[in-house]
Amino acid sequence: MIVAGIILLILGFVFKIAILWTIGIVVLVIGLILLALGSLGHAIGGRRHYY
């Protein structure tokens, strides 16, 4: 999710599409939150690790 967020941010910036920029930020933030929770050992969606 983090990589997808970064790709959407770059595409939104290059092509000047605001919705891609917004979706990229949201996906990136969600990915970072899931990464942080997974590294702390909290089970997310029944999984102990989030990859």
Protein backbone atom coordinates (compact mmCIF):
# COMPACT_ATOMS: atom_id res chain seq x y z
CA MET A 1 0.00 0.00 0.00
CA ILE A 2 2.86 2.31 0.70
CA VAL A 3 4.35 1.79 -2.74
CA ALA A 4 0.94 2.24 -4.39
CA GLY A 5 0.46 5.50 -2.49
CA ILE A 6 3.83 6.82 -3.61
CA ILE A 7 3.12 5.86 -7.23
CA LEU A 8 -0.26 7.61 -7.12
CA LEU A 9 1.33 10.71 -5.60
CA ILE A 10 3.93 10.84 -8.37
CA LEU A 11 1.37 10.24 -11.13
CA GLY A 12 -0.96 12.87 -9.68
CA PHE A 13 1.86 15.39 -9.53
CA VAL A 14 3.20 14.67 -13.02
CA PHE A 15 -0.18 14.66 -14.78
CA LYS A 16 -1.68 17.42 -12.58
CA ILE A 17 -4.64 15.23 -11.55
CA ALA A 18 -5.80 16.28 -8.09
CA ILE A 19 -7.85 13.15 -7.38
CA LEU A 20 -4.78 10.91 -7.87
CA TRP A 21 -2.83 13.14 -5.51
CA THR A 22 -5.58 12.88 -2.86
CA ILE A 23 -6.00 9.12 -3.23
CA GLY A 24 -2.22 8.71 -3.07
CA ILE A 25 -2.04 10.59 0.23
CA VAL A 26 -4.88 8.53 1.73
CA VAL A 27 -3.40 5.20 0.59
CA LEU A 28 0.06 6.19 1.83
CA VAL A 29 -1.25 7.20 5.27
CA ILE A 30 -3.30 4.00 5.62
CA GLY A 31 -0.27 1.94 4.60
CA LEU A 32 1.93 3.67 7.16
CA ILE A 33 -0.66 3.16 9.91
CA LEU A 34 -0.99 -0.55 9.07
CA LEU A 35 2.79 -0.89 8.97
CA ALA A 36 3.13 0.75 12.39
CA LEU A 37 0.40 -1.40 13.94
CA GLY A 38 1.82 -4.56 12.42
CA SER A 39 5.32 -3.82 13.66
CA LEU A 40 3.97 -3.29 17.17
CA GLY A 41 2.53 -6.80 17.15
CA HIS A 42 -1.16 -5.97 16.88
CA ALA A 43 -3.16 -8.40 14.77
CA ILE A 44 -4.70 -6.65 11.76
CA GLY A 45 -7.45 -8.48 9.91
CA GLY A 46 -6.50 -11.75 11.56
CA ARG A 47 -2.83 -11.44 10.59
CA ARG A 48 0.00 -10.88 12.98
CA HIS A 49 2.20 -9.20 10.32
CA TYR A 50 1.20 -6.79 7.57
CA TYR A 51 3.32 -6.99 4.43
